Amino acid sequence: MPLQPSLRRGIAIAGLGLGLLVVGGCSRGNEMTDLPKPPADFCRAGKIYEERITSGRKVPIDDQVSLVRRMDAAAPPDVAEDTATFLDALLQVQGGDERAVDSPEVRDAVTRVNRRYSQGCGVYDRRGGI
């Protein structure tokens, strides 16, 4: 039985977000340790996004767009282009165009955004980070 378009979009974008988390968890390299800490708004939006995506519940596309829009607005310069790419992909999916989900460019951008969030916002610090 085929999935309804809205459900397919939700699954596709959740997969994009989960890909962000999985890749970030495996990418603890220190290539970003010399960068300044990202703005607090970037870290807060990233934390909320991560919590919602990993909650096991469906995260509405509108909520995902809102959170990534907040990350994009506060993105440090070194990852601003990538957060814009991530946001554009979510907006495309929100509009019904799922091709962005399979784009290597989008996957790479999401990976870099996650890496910047996880390393810059203290996700792996024992003190709890954010």
N, C-alpha and C. Protein backbone atom coordinates (compact mmCIF):
# COMPACT_ATOMS: atom_id res chain seq x y z
N MET A 1 0.85 -1.18 0.00
CA MET A 1 0.00 0.00 0.00
C MET A 1 0.89 1.24 0.00
N PRO A 2 0.71 2.19 -0.94
CA PRO A 2 1.55 3.37 -1.00
C PRO A 2 1.29 4.31 0.17
N LEU A 3 2.33 5.00 0.59
CA LEU A 3 2.21 5.96 1.67
C LEU A 3 1.59 7.24 1.14
N GLN A 4 0.83 7.91 1.99
CA GLN A 4 0.28 9.21 1.61
C GLN A 4 1.43 10.20 1.49
N PRO A 5 1.32 11.19 0.61
CA PRO A 5 2.41 12.15 0.39
C PRO A 5 2.90 12.82 1.67
N SER A 6 2.00 13.22 2.55
CA SER A 6 2.44 13.91 3.77
C SER A 6 3.24 12.98 4.67
N LEU A 7 2.87 11.71 4.72
CA LEU A 7 3.60 10.74 5.52
C LEU A 7 4.97 10.47 4.90
N ARG A 8 5.01 10.32 3.56
CA ARG A 8 6.30 10.12 2.89
C ARG A 8 7.24 11.29 3.16
N ARG A 9 6.71 12.52 3.09
CA ARG A 9 7.54 13.70 3.36
C ARG A 9 8.06 13.67 4.78
N GLY A 10 7.20 13.32 5.73
CA GLY A 10 7.62 13.26 7.13
C GLY A 10 8.71 12.23 7.35
N ILE A 11 8.57 11.07 6.73
CA ILE A 11 9.58 10.02 6.85
C ILE A 11 10.88 10.46 6.20
N ALA A 12 10.77 11.06 5.03
CA ALA A 12 11.97 11.49 4.30
C ALA A 12 12.75 12.52 5.08
N ILE A 13 12.08 13.50 5.62
CA ILE A 13 12.80 14.56 6.31
C ILE A 13 13.29 14.11 7.67
N ALA A 14 12.56 13.23 8.33
CA ALA A 14 13.06 12.68 9.58
C ALA A 14 14.33 11.88 9.31
N GLY A 15 14.36 11.18 8.19
CA GLY A 15 15.57 10.46 7.81
C GLY A 15 16.73 11.41 7.58
N LEU A 16 16.46 12.55 6.99
CA LEU A 16 17.49 13.55 6.79
C LEU A 16 18.02 14.03 8.13
N GLY A 17 17.11 14.31 9.07
CA GLY A 17 17.52 14.76 10.39
C GLY A 17 18.25 13.69 11.17
N LEU A 18 17.77 12.46 11.09
CA LEU A 18 18.46 11.37 11.79
C LEU A 18 19.83 11.14 11.19
N GLY A 19 19.94 11.30 9.88
CA GLY A 19 21.26 11.20 9.25
C GLY A 19 22.19 12.24 9.83
N LEU A 20 21.66 13.41 10.08
CA LEU A 20 22.44 14.48 10.69
C LEU A 20 23.00 14.01 12.03
N LEU A 21 22.18 13.40 12.84
CA LEU A 21 22.61 12.98 14.17
C LEU A 21 23.57 11.82 14.13
N VAL A 22 23.30 10.83 13.30
CA VAL A 22 24.17 9.66 13.23
C VAL A 22 25.56 10.04 12.74
N VAL A 23 25.62 10.82 11.69
CA VAL A 23 26.92 11.22 11.16
C VAL A 23 27.67 12.07 12.17
N GLY A 24 26.97 12.97 12.83
CA GLY A 24 27.62 13.82 13.82
C GLY A 24 28.17 13.02 14.98
N GLY A 25 27.45 12.00 15.38
CA GLY A 25 27.92 11.16 16.47
C GLY A 25 29.18 10.40 16.13
N CYS A 26 29.41 10.16 14.85
CA CYS A 26 30.60 9.44 14.40
C CYS A 26 31.72 10.38 13.98
N SER A 27 31.49 11.66 14.07
CA SER A 27 32.45 12.63 13.55
C SER A 27 33.01 13.50 14.65
N ARG A 28 33.65 12.91 15.58
CA ARG A 28 34.17 13.67 16.71
C ARG A 28 35.58 14.19 16.49
N GLY A 29 35.98 14.32 15.24
CA GLY A 29 37.32 14.83 14.96
C GLY A 29 37.51 16.21 15.56
N ASN A 30 38.75 16.67 15.64
CA ASN A 30 39.00 17.94 16.28
C ASN A 30 39.24 19.06 15.28
N GLU A 31 38.78 18.90 14.03
CA GLU A 31 39.03 19.91 13.02
C GLU A 31 38.33 21.24 13.33
N MET A 32 37.37 21.25 14.21
CA MET A 32 36.64 22.48 14.51
C MET A 32 36.97 23.04 15.89
N THR A 33 37.92 22.48 16.57
CA THR A 33 38.20 22.92 17.92
C THR A 33 38.76 24.33 17.99
N ASP A 34 39.31 24.85 16.91
CA ASP A 34 39.85 26.20 16.91
C ASP A 34 38.80 27.26 16.60
N LEU A 35 37.62 26.85 16.26
CA LEU A 35 36.56 27.80 15.94
C LEU A 35 35.90 28.32 17.22
N PRO A 36 35.41 29.55 17.19
CA PRO A 36 34.72 30.07 18.38
C PRO A 36 33.40 29.34 18.61
N LYS A 37 32.96 29.37 19.85
CA LYS A 37 31.68 28.74 20.19
C LYS A 37 30.57 29.41 19.38
N PRO A 38 29.66 28.63 18.81
CA PRO A 38 28.54 29.21 18.05
C PRO A 38 27.64 30.03 18.98
N PRO A 39 26.84 30.93 18.41
CA PRO A 39 25.89 31.69 19.22
C PRO A 39 24.94 30.77 19.99
N ALA A 40 24.50 31.23 21.14
CA ALA A 40 23.60 30.43 21.99
C ALA A 40 22.32 30.05 21.26
N ASP A 41 21.79 30.94 20.41
CA ASP A 41 20.55 30.62 19.68
C ASP A 41 20.74 29.45 18.73
N PHE A 42 21.91 29.37 18.10
CA PHE A 42 22.23 28.24 17.22
C PHE A 42 22.24 26.94 18.04
N CYS A 43 22.88 26.98 19.19
CA CYS A 43 22.98 25.79 20.04
C CYS A 43 21.61 25.38 20.60
N ARG A 44 20.82 26.35 21.04
CA ARG A 44 19.49 26.02 21.58
C ARG A 44 18.60 25.38 20.52
N ALA A 45 18.56 25.97 19.33
CA ALA A 45 17.73 25.41 18.25
C ALA A 45 18.23 24.03 17.85
N GLY A 46 19.55 23.85 17.81
CA GLY A 46 20.11 22.54 17.48
C GLY A 46 19.75 21.49 18.51
N LYS A 47 19.78 21.88 19.77
CA LYS A 47 19.44 20.94 20.84
C LYS A 47 17.98 20.52 20.75
N ILE A 48 17.10 21.49 20.54
CA ILE A 48 15.67 21.17 20.42
C ILE A 48 15.43 20.27 19.22
N TYR A 49 16.07 20.59 18.10
CA TYR A 49 15.92 19.78 16.89
C TYR A 49 16.36 18.35 17.17
N GLU A 50 17.53 18.20 17.77
CA GLU A 50 18.05 16.87 18.08
C GLU A 50 17.10 16.10 19.00
N GLU A 51 16.62 16.76 20.04
CA GLU A 51 15.70 16.09 20.98
C GLU A 51 14.43 15.64 20.30
N ARG A 52 13.88 16.47 19.44
CA ARG A 52 12.63 16.11 18.77
C ARG A 52 12.83 14.99 17.75
N ILE A 53 13.90 15.06 16.98
CA ILE A 53 14.15 14.05 15.95
C ILE A 53 14.41 12.69 16.58
N THR A 54 15.07 12.66 17.73
CA THR A 54 15.40 11.39 18.37
C THR A 54 14.32 10.92 19.35
N SER A 55 13.21 11.65 19.46
CA SER A 55 12.16 11.30 20.42
C SER A 55 11.37 10.06 20.03
N GLY A 56 11.45 9.67 18.76
CA GLY A 56 10.68 8.52 18.30
C GLY A 56 9.30 8.91 17.80
N ARG A 57 8.93 10.17 18.00
CA ARG A 57 7.64 10.66 17.49
C ARG A 57 7.85 11.39 16.18
N LYS A 58 6.81 11.45 15.38
CA LYS A 58 6.88 12.18 14.12
C LYS A 58 7.00 13.68 14.43
N VAL A 59 7.95 14.32 13.80
CA VAL A 59 8.14 15.75 13.96
C VAL A 59 7.58 16.43 12.71
N PRO A 60 6.53 17.22 12.87
CA PRO A 60 5.94 17.87 11.70
C PRO A 60 6.97 18.70 10.94
N ILE A 61 6.85 18.70 9.63
CA ILE A 61 7.79 19.42 8.79
C ILE A 61 7.81 20.91 9.15
N ASP A 62 6.68 21.48 9.51
CA ASP A 62 6.65 22.90 9.88
C ASP A 62 7.54 23.16 11.10
N ASP A 63 7.53 22.24 12.07
CA ASP A 63 8.38 22.38 13.25
C ASP A 63 9.86 22.28 12.87
N GLN A 64 10.17 21.34 11.98
CA GLN A 64 11.55 21.19 11.54
C GLN A 64 12.03 22.45 10.82
N VAL A 65 11.20 22.98 9.95
CA VAL A 65 11.55 24.21 9.23
C VAL A 65 11.79 25.34 10.22
N SER A 66 10.92 25.47 11.20
CA SER A 66 11.05 26.53 12.19
C SER A 66 12.37 26.44 12.95
N LEU A 67 12.73 25.24 13.37
CA LEU A 67 13.97 25.06 14.14
C LEU A 67 15.21 25.29 13.28
N VAL A 68 15.21 24.76 12.08
CA VAL A 68 16.38 24.95 11.21
C VAL A 68 16.45 26.41 10.77
N ARG A 69 15.33 27.07 10.63
CA ARG A 69 15.34 28.51 10.32
C ARG A 69 16.02 29.27 11.46
N ARG A 70 15.73 28.88 12.71
CA ARG A 70 16.39 29.52 13.86
C ARG A 70 17.90 29.25 13.84
N MET A 71 18.28 28.02 13.52
CA MET A 71 19.71 27.71 13.42
C MET A 71 20.35 28.54 12.31
N ASP A 72 19.67 28.65 11.19
CA ASP A 72 20.21 29.41 10.06
C ASP A 72 20.38 30.88 10.42
N ALA A 73 19.42 31.44 11.12
CA ALA A 73 19.50 32.86 11.49
C ALA A 73 20.66 33.15 12.43
N ALA A 74 21.05 32.15 13.23
CA ALA A 74 22.11 32.34 14.22
C ALA A 74 23.41 31.62 13.85
N ALA A 75 23.47 31.06 12.66
CA ALA A 75 24.61 30.23 12.28
C ALA A 75 25.92 31.02 12.27
N PRO A 76 26.97 30.41 12.80
CA PRO A 76 28.28 31.05 12.69
C PRO A 76 28.69 31.11 11.21
N PRO A 77 29.51 32.09 10.84
CA PRO A 77 29.87 32.28 9.42
C PRO A 77 30.44 31.04 8.75
N ASP A 78 31.17 30.22 9.49
CA ASP A 78 31.81 29.05 8.88
C ASP A 78 30.82 27.97 8.45
N VAL A 79 29.58 28.04 8.91
CA VAL A 79 28.59 27.02 8.54
C VAL A 79 27.29 27.65 8.01
N ALA A 80 27.30 28.96 7.81
CA ALA A 80 26.09 29.66 7.36
C ALA A 80 25.57 29.16 6.02
N GLU A 81 26.46 28.90 5.08
CA GLU A 81 26.03 28.40 3.77
C GLU A 81 25.39 27.01 3.91
N ASP A 82 25.92 26.20 4.80
CA ASP A 82 25.38 24.86 5.00
C ASP A 82 24.02 24.89 5.69
N THR A 83 23.83 25.78 6.66
CA THR A 83 22.51 25.85 7.29
C THR A 83 21.48 26.36 6.29
N ALA A 84 21.89 27.26 5.41
CA ALA A 84 20.97 27.74 4.36
C ALA A 84 20.59 26.61 3.42
N THR A 85 21.56 25.76 3.07
CA THR A 85 21.28 24.60 2.21
C THR A 85 20.32 23.64 2.90
N PHE A 86 20.54 23.40 4.19
CA PHE A 86 19.67 22.52 4.98
C PHE A 86 18.26 23.09 5.01
N LEU A 87 18.14 24.38 5.29
CA LEU A 87 16.82 25.02 5.34
C LEU A 87 16.14 24.96 3.98
N ASP A 88 16.87 25.25 2.92
CA ASP A 88 16.29 25.18 1.57
C ASP A 88 15.75 23.78 1.28
N ALA A 89 16.49 22.76 1.69
CA ALA A 89 16.04 21.37 1.46
C ALA A 89 14.75 21.09 2.22
N LEU A 90 14.68 21.55 3.46
CA LEU A 90 13.45 21.35 4.24
C LEU A 90 12.28 22.08 3.59
N LEU A 91 12.52 23.28 3.11
CA LEU A 91 11.45 24.03 2.46
C LEU A 91 10.99 23.34 1.18
N GLN A 92 11.92 22.73 0.46
CA GLN A 92 11.54 21.98 -0.74
C GLN A 92 10.67 20.79 -0.37
N VAL A 93 11.07 20.07 0.67
CA VAL A 93 10.27 18.92 1.12
C VAL A 93 8.91 19.38 1.61
N GLN A 94 8.90 20.48 2.34
CA GLN A 94 7.64 21.04 2.83
C GLN A 94 6.70 21.35 1.67
N GLY A 95 7.27 21.80 0.55
CA GLY A 95 6.48 22.12 -0.63
C GLY A 95 6.14 20.92 -1.50
N GLY A 96 6.59 19.73 -1.09
CA GLY A 96 6.25 18.52 -1.82
C GLY A 96 7.35 17.97 -2.72
N ASP A 97 8.48 18.65 -2.80
CA ASP A 97 9.59 18.20 -3.65
C ASP A 97 10.59 17.45 -2.78
N GLU A 98 10.58 16.13 -2.87
CA GLU A 98 11.42 15.29 -2.01
C GLU A 98 12.80 15.02 -2.59
N ARG A 99 13.11 15.56 -3.75
CA ARG A 99 14.40 15.27 -4.37
C ARG A 99 15.58 15.73 -3.51
N ALA A 100 15.41 16.76 -2.72
CA ALA A 100 16.50 17.28 -1.89
C ALA A 100 16.99 16.25 -0.88
N VAL A 101 16.12 15.35 -0.47
CA VAL A 101 16.48 14.35 0.54
C VAL A 101 17.59 13.44 0.04
N ASP A 102 17.62 13.17 -1.25
CA ASP A 102 18.62 12.28 -1.82
C ASP A 102 19.86 13.00 -2.35
N SER A 103 19.92 14.29 -2.18
CA SER A 103 21.01 15.08 -2.73
C SER A 103 22.29 14.93 -1.89
N PRO A 104 23.39 14.54 -2.52
CA PRO A 104 24.66 14.47 -1.78
C PRO A 104 25.07 15.84 -1.23
N GLU A 105 24.77 16.89 -1.96
CA GLU A 105 25.10 18.25 -1.49
C GLU A 105 24.35 18.55 -0.18
N VAL A 106 23.08 18.18 -0.13
CA VAL A 106 22.29 18.42 1.08
C VAL A 106 22.81 17.55 2.22
N ARG A 107 23.07 16.28 1.94
CA ARG A 107 23.59 15.40 3.00
C ARG A 107 24.90 15.93 3.57
N ASP A 108 25.79 16.41 2.69
CA ASP A 108 27.06 16.95 3.15
C ASP A 108 26.85 18.22 3.99
N ALA A 109 25.93 19.07 3.56
CA ALA A 109 25.65 20.29 4.31
C ALA A 109 25.08 19.96 5.68
N VAL A 110 24.15 19.02 5.74
CA VAL A 110 23.55 18.61 7.01
C VAL A 110 24.63 18.03 7.93
N THR A 111 25.53 17.26 7.37
CA THR A 111 26.63 16.69 8.16
C THR A 111 27.48 17.80 8.77
N ARG A 112 27.81 18.80 7.96
CA ARG A 112 28.64 19.90 8.47
C ARG A 112 27.91 20.72 9.53
N VAL A 113 26.61 20.94 9.35
CA VAL A 113 25.83 21.67 10.36
C VAL A 113 25.83 20.87 11.66
N ASN A 114 25.58 19.59 11.57
CA ASN A 114 25.56 18.76 12.77
C ASN A 114 26.93 18.73 13.45
N ARG A 115 27.97 18.60 12.67
CA ARG A 115 29.31 18.56 13.24
C ARG A 115 29.60 19.87 13.99
N ARG A 116 29.21 20.99 13.38
CA ARG A 116 29.45 22.28 14.03
C ARG A 116 28.63 22.40 15.30
N TYR A 117 27.38 21.93 15.25
CA TYR A 117 26.53 21.94 16.45
C TYR A 117 27.12 21.04 17.54
N SER A 118 27.41 19.80 17.19
CA SER A 118 27.84 18.84 18.21
C SER A 118 29.19 19.19 18.80
N GLN A 119 30.11 19.68 17.99
CA GLN A 119 31.44 20.02 18.51
C GLN A 119 31.47 21.41 19.13
N GLY A 120 30.75 22.35 18.55
CA GLY A 120 30.79 23.73 19.03
C GLY A 120 29.90 24.00 20.22
N CYS A 121 28.83 23.22 20.35
CA CYS A 121 27.86 23.48 21.41
C CYS A 121 28.03 22.55 22.61
N GLY A 122 29.11 21.80 22.64
CA GLY A 122 29.42 20.99 23.81
C GLY A 122 28.59 19.74 23.98
N VAL A 123 28.06 19.20 22.90
CA VAL A 123 27.22 18.01 22.99
C VAL A 123 27.95 16.85 23.66
N TYR A 124 29.25 16.74 23.41
CA TYR A 124 30.00 15.61 23.95
C TYR A 124 30.76 15.94 25.23
N ASP A 125 30.60 17.17 25.72
CA ASP A 125 31.26 17.53 26.98
C ASP A 125 30.62 16.79 28.13
N ARG A 126 31.39 16.36 29.06
CA ARG A 126 30.85 15.66 30.23
C ARG A 126 29.98 16.57 31.09
N ARG A 127 30.23 17.87 30.99
CA ARG A 127 29.45 18.82 31.78
C ARG A 127 28.06 19.04 31.19
N GLY A 128 27.78 18.48 30.06
CA GLY A 128 26.45 18.59 29.47
C GLY A 128 26.33 19.65 28.41
N GLY A 129 27.34 20.42 28.18
CA GLY A 129 27.31 21.38 27.08
C GLY A 129 26.34 22.50 27.31
N ILE A 130 25.51 22.71 26.39
CA ILE A 130 24.59 23.83 26.26
C ILE A 130 24.07 24.31 27.57
